[in-house]
């Protein structure tokens, strides 16, 4: 049994995910940055970090709860060049 499990503090969850995006999702400088298609938006961390690098970001999220969190996070931060969709 793994006794060294760690969990994200819900109060800092968004900040933790934003740092993960900064550390993990590197966008090459030499690509044309007109459109980004994000599959699995989760709570919007990628869009919050990278919205200034693309003219448009189109995001898809299957989870209604994650979708609602992403919309809330994106609206709170005034990001207008993002289109989010959820199935159904």
C-alpha atoms as a PDB file:
ATOM      1  CA  UNK A   1       0.000   0.000   0.000  1.00  0.00           C
ATOM      2  CA  UNK A   2       1.337   3.407  -0.961  1.00  0.00           C
ATOM      3  CA  UNK A   3       1.422   5.565   2.171  1.00  0.00           C
ATOM      4  CA  UNK A   4       3.107   8.540   0.474  1.00  0.00           C
ATOM      5  CA  UNK A   5       0.161   9.774  -1.559  1.00  0.00           C
ATOM      6  CA  UNK A   6      -0.155  13.530  -1.878  1.00  0.00           C
ATOM      7  CA  UNK A   7      -3.195  15.498  -2.910  1.00  0.00           C
ATOM      8  CA  UNK A   8      -3.566  18.951  -4.339  1.00  0.00           C
ATOM      9  CA  UNK A   9      -4.841  21.521  -1.886  1.00  0.00           C
ATOM     10  CA  UNK A  10      -8.219  22.600  -3.345  1.00  0.00           C
ATOM     11  CA  UNK A  11      -7.498  26.206  -2.391  1.00  0.00           C
ATOM     12  CA  UNK A  12      -4.420  26.253  -4.632  1.00  0.00           C
ATOM     13  CA  UNK A  13      -5.545  23.744  -7.247  1.00  0.00           C
ATOM     14  CA  UNK A  14      -5.718  26.232 -10.108  1.00  0.00           C
ATOM     15  CA  UNK A  15      -2.300  27.690  -9.262  1.00  0.00           C
ATOM     16  CA  UNK A  16      -0.841  24.174  -9.077  1.00  0.00           C
ATOM     17  CA  UNK A  17      -2.270  23.291 -12.491  1.00  0.00           C
ATOM     18  CA  UNK A  18      -1.066  26.574 -14.000  1.00  0.00           C
ATOM     19  CA  UNK A  19       2.465  25.787 -12.781  1.00  0.00           C
ATOM     20  CA  UNK A  20       2.187  22.294 -14.274  1.00  0.00           C
ATOM     21  CA  UNK A  21       1.252  23.869 -17.618  1.00  0.00           C
ATOM     22  CA  UNK A  22       4.229  26.248 -17.439  1.00  0.00           C
ATOM     23  CA  UNK A  23       6.567  23.338 -16.700  1.00  0.00           C
ATOM     24  CA  UNK A  24       5.122  20.706 -19.040  1.00  0.00           C
ATOM     25  CA  UNK A  25       3.507  22.250 -22.118  1.00  0.00           C
ATOM     26  CA  UNK A  26       6.263  23.933 -24.061  1.00  0.00           C
ATOM     27  CA  UNK A  27       5.190  25.730 -27.225  1.00  0.00           C
ATOM     28  CA  UNK A  28       7.942  26.078 -29.844  1.00  0.00           C
ATOM     29  CA  UNK A  29       8.716  29.624 -30.926  1.00  0.00           C
ATOM     30  CA  UNK A  30       8.969  28.629 -34.593  1.00  0.00           C
ATOM     31  CA  UNK A  31       5.342  27.585 -35.128  1.00  0.00           C
ATOM     32  CA  UNK A  32       2.583  29.800 -36.460  1.00  0.00           C
ATOM     33  CA  UNK A  33       0.314  30.604 -33.529  1.00  0.00           C
ATOM     34  CA  UNK A  34      -3.025  31.393 -35.144  1.00  0.00           C
ATOM     35  CA  UNK A  35      -5.164  28.613 -33.696  1.00  0.00           C
ATOM     36  CA  UNK A  36      -4.748  26.185 -30.828  1.00  0.00           C
ATOM     37  CA  UNK A  37      -7.079  23.220 -30.357  1.00  0.00           C
ATOM     38  CA  UNK A  38      -7.079  22.081 -26.742  1.00  0.00           C
ATOM     39  CA  UNK A  39      -8.633  18.663 -26.191  1.00  0.00           C
ATOM     40  CA  UNK A  40      -9.436  18.210 -22.525  1.00  0.00           C
ATOM     41  CA  UNK A  41      -9.618  21.757 -21.189  1.00  0.00           C
ATOM     42  CA  UNK A  42      -9.990  20.553 -17.595  1.00  0.00           C
ATOM     43  CA  UNK A  43     -10.397  23.778 -15.559  1.00  0.00           C
ATOM     44  CA  UNK A  44      -8.777  26.095 -18.106  1.00  0.00           C
ATOM     45  CA  UNK A  45      -5.169  26.267 -16.874  1.00  0.00           C
ATOM     46  CA  UNK A  46      -3.612  25.966 -20.360  1.00  0.00           C
ATOM     47  CA  UNK A  47      -5.796  28.764 -21.713  1.00  0.00           C
ATOM     48  CA  UNK A  48      -5.033  30.980 -18.723  1.00  0.00           C
ATOM     49  CA  UNK A  49      -1.286  30.612 -19.273  1.00  0.00           C
ATOM     50  CA  UNK A  50      -1.161  30.604 -23.083  1.00  0.00           C
ATOM     51  CA  UNK A  51      -4.061  32.759 -24.309  1.00  0.00           C
ATOM     52  CA  UNK A  52      -1.674  35.544 -25.292  1.00  0.00           C
ATOM     53  CA  UNK A  53       0.377  33.236 -27.524  1.00  0.00           C
ATOM     54  CA  UNK A  54      -2.454  32.346 -29.927  1.00  0.00           C
ATOM     55  CA  UNK A  55      -4.980  34.379 -31.878  1.00  0.00           C
ATOM     56  CA  UNK A  56      -7.685  31.834 -30.969  1.00  0.00           C
ATOM     57  CA  UNK A  57      -7.946  28.835 -28.663  1.00  0.00           C
ATOM     58  CA  UNK A  58     -10.709  26.298 -29.204  1.00  0.00           C
ATOM     59  CA  UNK A  59     -11.183  23.981 -26.262  1.00  0.00           C
ATOM     60  CA  UNK A  60     -13.214  20.824 -25.751  1.00  0.00           C
ATOM     61  CA  UNK A  61     -14.077  19.372 -22.346  1.00  0.00           C
ATOM     62  CA  UNK A  62     -16.206  16.260 -21.755  1.00  0.00           C
ATOM     63  CA  UNK A  63     -16.799  16.773 -18.031  1.00  0.00           C
ATOM     64  CA  UNK A  64     -19.586  19.214 -17.267  1.00  0.00           C
ATOM     65  CA  UNK A  65     -18.046  20.084 -13.885  1.00  0.00           C
ATOM     66  CA  UNK A  66     -14.629  20.792 -15.422  1.00  0.00           C
ATOM     67  CA  UNK A  67     -16.263  22.712 -18.264  1.00  0.00           C
ATOM     68  CA  UNK A  68     -18.143  24.937 -15.809  1.00  0.00           C
ATOM     69  CA  UNK A  69     -14.954  25.535 -13.802  1.00  0.00           C
ATOM     70  CA  UNK A  70     -13.050  26.406 -16.982  1.00  0.00           C
ATOM     71  CA  UNK A  71     -15.704  28.895 -18.059  1.00  0.00           C
ATOM     72  CA  UNK A  72     -15.666  30.511 -14.617  1.00  0.00           C
ATOM     73  CA  UNK A  73     -11.855  30.727 -14.517  1.00  0.00           C
ATOM     74  CA  UNK A  74     -11.640  32.118 -18.028  1.00  0.00           C
ATOM     75  CA  UNK A  75     -14.357  34.716 -17.486  1.00  0.00           C
ATOM     76  CA  UNK A  76     -12.791  35.808 -14.175  1.00  0.00           C
ATOM     77  CA  UNK A  77      -9.583  36.525 -16.074  1.00  0.00           C
ATOM     78  CA  UNK A  78     -11.198  38.345 -19.005  1.00  0.00           C
ATOM     79  CA  UNK A  79     -10.013  35.967 -21.716  1.00  0.00           C
ATOM     80  CA  UNK A  80     -12.103  36.622 -24.801  1.00  0.00           C
ATOM     81  CA  UNK A  81     -10.268  34.756 -27.572  1.00  0.00           C
ATOM     82  CA  UNK A  82     -11.341  31.325 -26.385  1.00  0.00           C
ATOM     83  CA  UNK A  83     -14.215  29.133 -27.512  1.00  0.00           C
ATOM     84  CA  UNK A  84     -15.178  26.259 -25.205  1.00  0.00           C
ATOM     85  CA  UNK A  85     -17.457  23.361 -26.067  1.00  0.00           C
ATOM     86  CA  UNK A  86     -18.754  20.398 -24.124  1.00  0.00           C
ATOM     87  CA  UNK A  87     -20.592  17.411 -25.605  1.00  0.00           C
ATOM     88  CA  UNK A  88     -24.346  17.415 -25.291  1.00  0.00           C
END
